[in-house]
Amino acid sequence: MPTPLLALRDASFPMADCAVCGKPVLTFVALDDDGAERRVCVHCDSAVADHLKWVSPGELEQAGYYFGAPPADGGEKGGCSTGCGSCAVKKH
């Protein structure tokens, strides 16, 4: 069984521009009221631009997201390392 870090090496993550957050964000698939799939921002649940960019774990970390414990410096870029608390209050 591969270790989690080895499996992560080959992973890719969907990012798109979020007009509400004003930056590229990680996205997920949500269902609308009619059951249709749509991509939304992980921070604010707003629909995101149609153009997805699939990024590597390294590119995701460069955008300010991280895996495991938060960086010692608290992070200075966007994504979950900003300390804004938006991810902490989500109930997904």
N, C-alpha and C. Protein backbone atom coordinates (compact mmCIF):
# COMPACT_ATOMS: atom_id res chain seq x y z
N MET A 1 0.85 -1.18 0.00
CA MET A 1 0.00 0.00 0.00
C MET A 1 0.89 1.24 0.00
N PRO A 2 0.67 2.16 -0.97
CA PRO A 2 1.52 3.36 -1.03
C PRO A 2 1.28 4.27 0.17
N THR A 3 2.31 4.97 0.54
CA THR A 3 2.16 5.93 1.63
C THR A 3 1.34 7.11 1.13
N PRO A 4 0.65 7.84 2.02
CA PRO A 4 -0.16 8.99 1.59
C PRO A 4 0.62 10.03 0.81
N LEU A 5 1.87 10.29 1.17
CA LEU A 5 2.65 11.30 0.46
C LEU A 5 2.96 10.86 -0.96
N LEU A 6 3.20 9.55 -1.17
CA LEU A 6 3.45 9.07 -2.52
C LEU A 6 2.19 9.18 -3.36
N ALA A 7 1.05 8.86 -2.79
CA ALA A 7 -0.21 8.99 -3.52
C ALA A 7 -0.49 10.46 -3.83
N LEU A 8 -0.16 11.34 -2.93
CA LEU A 8 -0.39 12.77 -3.11
C LEU A 8 0.45 13.33 -4.25
N ARG A 9 1.62 12.76 -4.44
CA ARG A 9 2.53 13.23 -5.48
C ARG A 9 1.87 13.21 -6.87
N ASP A 10 1.02 12.22 -7.12
CA ASP A 10 0.37 12.06 -8.41
C ASP A 10 -1.02 12.68 -8.47
N ALA A 11 -1.44 13.36 -7.43
CA ALA A 11 -2.79 13.94 -7.36
C ALA A 11 -2.82 15.28 -8.09
N SER A 12 -4.04 15.69 -8.44
CA SER A 12 -4.25 17.04 -8.96
C SER A 12 -5.53 17.59 -8.34
N PHE A 13 -5.60 18.91 -8.27
CA PHE A 13 -6.68 19.57 -7.54
C PHE A 13 -7.31 20.65 -8.43
N PRO A 14 -8.65 20.77 -8.41
CA PRO A 14 -9.32 21.73 -9.27
C PRO A 14 -9.37 23.13 -8.65
N MET A 15 -8.82 24.10 -9.37
CA MET A 15 -8.87 25.49 -8.94
C MET A 15 -9.53 26.32 -10.03
N ALA A 16 -10.16 27.41 -9.63
CA ALA A 16 -10.79 28.35 -10.56
C ALA A 16 -10.85 29.71 -9.89
N ASP A 17 -11.11 30.74 -10.69
CA ASP A 17 -11.24 32.10 -10.14
C ASP A 17 -12.60 32.26 -9.48
N CYS A 18 -12.60 32.81 -8.27
CA CYS A 18 -13.83 33.12 -7.56
C CYS A 18 -14.00 34.64 -7.56
N ALA A 19 -15.08 35.11 -8.17
CA ALA A 19 -15.32 36.56 -8.24
C ALA A 19 -15.58 37.14 -6.85
N VAL A 20 -16.22 36.39 -5.97
CA VAL A 20 -16.55 36.88 -4.63
C VAL A 20 -15.28 37.02 -3.78
N CYS A 21 -14.43 35.98 -3.80
CA CYS A 21 -13.19 36.01 -3.01
C CYS A 21 -12.09 36.83 -3.70
N GLY A 22 -12.22 37.01 -5.01
CA GLY A 22 -11.25 37.81 -5.75
C GLY A 22 -9.90 37.14 -5.92
N LYS A 23 -9.88 35.80 -6.01
CA LYS A 23 -8.62 35.08 -6.17
C LYS A 23 -8.90 33.68 -6.70
N PRO A 24 -7.85 33.00 -7.18
CA PRO A 24 -8.00 31.59 -7.55
C PRO A 24 -8.21 30.77 -6.26
N VAL A 25 -9.17 29.85 -6.32
CA VAL A 25 -9.51 29.06 -5.13
C VAL A 25 -9.67 27.60 -5.48
N LEU A 26 -9.57 26.77 -4.48
CA LEU A 26 -9.87 25.36 -4.60
C LEU A 26 -11.39 25.23 -4.76
N THR A 27 -11.84 24.28 -5.55
CA THR A 27 -13.27 24.13 -5.81
C THR A 27 -13.76 22.74 -5.46
N PHE A 28 -15.08 22.60 -5.35
CA PHE A 28 -15.69 21.28 -5.19
C PHE A 28 -17.00 21.26 -5.95
N VAL A 29 -17.54 20.07 -6.17
CA VAL A 29 -18.79 19.92 -6.89
C VAL A 29 -19.94 19.94 -5.88
N ALA A 30 -20.94 20.76 -6.16
CA ALA A 30 -22.15 20.82 -5.35
C ALA A 30 -23.34 20.61 -6.28
N LEU A 31 -24.46 20.22 -5.71
CA LEU A 31 -25.68 20.05 -6.49
C LEU A 31 -26.59 21.24 -6.27
N ASP A 32 -27.16 21.77 -7.37
CA ASP A 32 -28.11 22.87 -7.22
C ASP A 32 -29.49 22.30 -6.89
N ASP A 33 -30.49 23.15 -6.80
CA ASP A 33 -31.84 22.72 -6.41
C ASP A 33 -32.45 21.70 -7.37
N ASP A 34 -31.99 21.72 -8.63
CA ASP A 34 -32.50 20.78 -9.63
C ASP A 34 -31.67 19.51 -9.71
N GLY A 35 -30.63 19.40 -8.87
CA GLY A 35 -29.77 18.22 -8.88
C GLY A 35 -28.64 18.28 -9.88
N ALA A 36 -28.48 19.41 -10.56
CA ALA A 36 -27.38 19.57 -11.51
C ALA A 36 -26.09 19.89 -10.77
N GLU A 37 -24.99 19.35 -11.27
CA GLU A 37 -23.69 19.61 -10.66
C GLU A 37 -23.19 20.99 -11.05
N ARG A 38 -22.52 21.65 -10.11
CA ARG A 38 -21.86 22.93 -10.39
C ARG A 38 -20.62 23.03 -9.52
N ARG A 39 -19.62 23.74 -9.99
CA ARG A 39 -18.38 23.96 -9.24
C ARG A 39 -18.56 25.18 -8.36
N VAL A 40 -18.13 25.06 -7.11
CA VAL A 40 -18.23 26.19 -6.18
C VAL A 40 -16.93 26.36 -5.41
N CYS A 41 -16.76 27.53 -4.85
CA CYS A 41 -15.58 27.91 -4.06
C CYS A 41 -15.63 27.23 -2.69
N VAL A 42 -14.48 26.71 -2.24
CA VAL A 42 -14.44 26.08 -0.92
C VAL A 42 -14.57 27.09 0.21
N HIS A 43 -14.36 28.37 -0.08
CA HIS A 43 -14.41 29.38 0.97
C HIS A 43 -15.79 29.99 1.15
N CYS A 44 -16.47 30.29 0.03
CA CYS A 44 -17.73 31.03 0.15
C CYS A 44 -18.93 30.34 -0.50
N ASP A 45 -18.72 29.17 -1.10
CA ASP A 45 -19.78 28.40 -1.77
C ASP A 45 -20.39 29.09 -2.98
N SER A 46 -19.76 30.15 -3.49
CA SER A 46 -20.25 30.81 -4.71
C SER A 46 -19.82 30.01 -5.93
N ALA A 47 -20.65 30.06 -6.97
CA ALA A 47 -20.28 29.43 -8.24
C ALA A 47 -19.00 30.08 -8.76
N VAL A 48 -18.13 29.29 -9.35
CA VAL A 48 -16.85 29.80 -9.85
C VAL A 48 -16.86 29.80 -11.37
N ALA A 49 -15.84 30.44 -11.94
CA ALA A 49 -15.69 30.51 -13.39
C ALA A 49 -15.67 29.10 -13.97
N ASP A 50 -16.12 28.99 -15.19
CA ASP A 50 -16.19 27.68 -15.85
C ASP A 50 -14.83 27.06 -16.09
N HIS A 51 -13.81 27.87 -16.25
CA HIS A 51 -12.48 27.36 -16.58
C HIS A 51 -11.79 26.83 -15.33
N LEU A 52 -11.60 25.51 -15.28
CA LEU A 52 -10.87 24.89 -14.18
C LEU A 52 -9.41 24.73 -14.56
N LYS A 53 -8.56 24.87 -13.58
CA LYS A 53 -7.14 24.58 -13.76
C LYS A 53 -6.82 23.47 -12.77
N TRP A 54 -6.34 22.35 -13.26
CA TRP A 54 -5.97 21.23 -12.40
C TRP A 54 -4.51 21.43 -12.02
N VAL A 55 -4.23 21.56 -10.73
CA VAL A 55 -2.89 21.88 -10.25
C VAL A 55 -2.32 20.74 -9.42
N SER A 56 -1.01 20.70 -9.37
CA SER A 56 -0.29 19.70 -8.58
C SER A 56 -0.29 20.10 -7.11
N PRO A 57 0.07 19.18 -6.22
CA PRO A 57 0.17 19.55 -4.80
C PRO A 57 1.12 20.73 -4.56
N GLY A 58 2.23 20.77 -5.29
CA GLY A 58 3.17 21.88 -5.13
C GLY A 58 2.57 23.21 -5.55
N GLU A 59 1.84 23.20 -6.67
CA GLU A 59 1.18 24.44 -7.13
C GLU A 59 0.08 24.86 -6.15
N LEU A 60 -0.60 23.88 -5.58
CA LEU A 60 -1.64 24.19 -4.59
C LEU A 60 -1.03 24.85 -3.37
N GLU A 61 0.12 24.35 -2.91
CA GLU A 61 0.79 24.96 -1.77
C GLU A 61 1.30 26.36 -2.12
N GLN A 62 1.74 26.57 -3.34
CA GLN A 62 2.18 27.91 -3.76
C GLN A 62 1.02 28.89 -3.75
N ALA A 63 -0.19 28.38 -3.91
CA ALA A 63 -1.38 29.25 -3.86
C ALA A 63 -1.83 29.51 -2.43
N GLY A 64 -1.13 28.92 -1.45
CA GLY A 64 -1.43 29.21 -0.05
C GLY A 64 -2.13 28.10 0.71
N TYR A 65 -2.44 27.00 0.05
CA TYR A 65 -3.03 25.85 0.74
C TYR A 65 -1.90 24.98 1.25
N TYR A 66 -2.17 24.13 2.22
CA TYR A 66 -1.13 23.25 2.72
C TYR A 66 -1.73 21.93 3.15
N PHE A 67 -0.87 20.94 3.32
CA PHE A 67 -1.27 19.61 3.76
C PHE A 67 -0.70 19.38 5.14
N GLY A 68 -1.47 18.81 6.04
CA GLY A 68 -0.99 18.55 7.39
C GLY A 68 -1.07 19.79 8.25
N ALA A 69 -0.14 19.88 9.18
CA ALA A 69 -0.12 21.00 10.13
C ALA A 69 0.16 22.31 9.40
N PRO A 70 -0.38 23.44 9.89
CA PRO A 70 -0.12 24.74 9.27
C PRO A 70 1.37 25.06 9.28
N PRO A 71 1.84 25.80 8.29
CA PRO A 71 3.25 26.20 8.29
C PRO A 71 3.57 27.01 9.55
N ALA A 72 4.80 26.93 9.99
CA ALA A 72 5.23 27.62 11.21
C ALA A 72 5.03 29.13 11.11
N ASP A 73 5.19 29.70 9.90
CA ASP A 73 5.05 31.15 9.76
C ASP A 73 3.60 31.58 9.63
N GLY A 74 2.65 30.63 9.64
CA GLY A 74 1.24 30.97 9.52
C GLY A 74 0.79 31.19 8.09
N GLY A 75 1.73 31.18 7.16
CA GLY A 75 1.39 31.36 5.76
C GLY A 75 1.09 32.82 5.45
N GLU A 76 1.42 33.23 4.25
CA GLU A 76 1.19 34.62 3.88
C GLU A 76 0.39 34.74 2.60
N LYS A 77 0.04 33.62 1.97
CA LYS A 77 -0.65 33.68 0.70
C LYS A 77 -2.12 33.38 0.91
N GLY A 78 -2.87 33.26 -0.18
CA GLY A 78 -4.30 32.99 -0.11
C GLY A 78 -4.59 31.59 0.35
N GLY A 79 -5.81 31.13 0.09
CA GLY A 79 -6.17 29.78 0.48
C GLY A 79 -6.38 29.66 1.97
N CYS A 80 -6.28 28.45 2.47
CA CYS A 80 -6.61 28.17 3.85
C CYS A 80 -5.60 28.69 4.85
N SER A 81 -4.44 29.13 4.42
CA SER A 81 -3.44 29.59 5.37
C SER A 81 -3.57 31.07 5.70
N THR A 82 -4.62 31.73 5.25
CA THR A 82 -4.74 33.16 5.51
C THR A 82 -5.20 33.46 6.93
N GLY A 83 -5.81 32.49 7.59
CA GLY A 83 -6.31 32.72 8.94
C GLY A 83 -7.61 33.47 8.98
N CYS A 84 -8.31 33.58 7.83
CA CYS A 84 -9.55 34.35 7.80
C CYS A 84 -10.68 33.65 8.56
N GLY A 85 -10.57 32.35 8.75
CA GLY A 85 -11.58 31.62 9.49
C GLY A 85 -12.73 31.10 8.65
N SER A 86 -12.76 31.43 7.35
CA SER A 86 -13.89 31.00 6.54
C SER A 86 -13.98 29.48 6.43
N CYS A 87 -12.85 28.81 6.38
CA CYS A 87 -12.89 27.34 6.29
C CYS A 87 -13.31 26.75 7.64
N ALA A 88 -12.93 27.37 8.73
CA ALA A 88 -13.23 26.83 10.05
C ALA A 88 -14.73 26.87 10.36
N VAL A 89 -15.45 27.80 9.77
CA VAL A 89 -16.86 27.93 10.08
C VAL A 89 -17.75 27.16 9.13
N LYS A 90 -17.19 26.64 8.04
CA LYS A 90 -18.00 25.86 7.10
C LYS A 90 -18.44 24.57 7.73
N LYS A 91 -19.64 24.15 7.42
CA LYS A 91 -20.20 22.94 8.00
C LYS A 91 -20.35 21.82 7.00
N HIS A 92 -19.46 21.72 5.98
CA HIS A 92 -19.54 20.67 4.96
C HIS A 92 -18.97 19.40 5.49
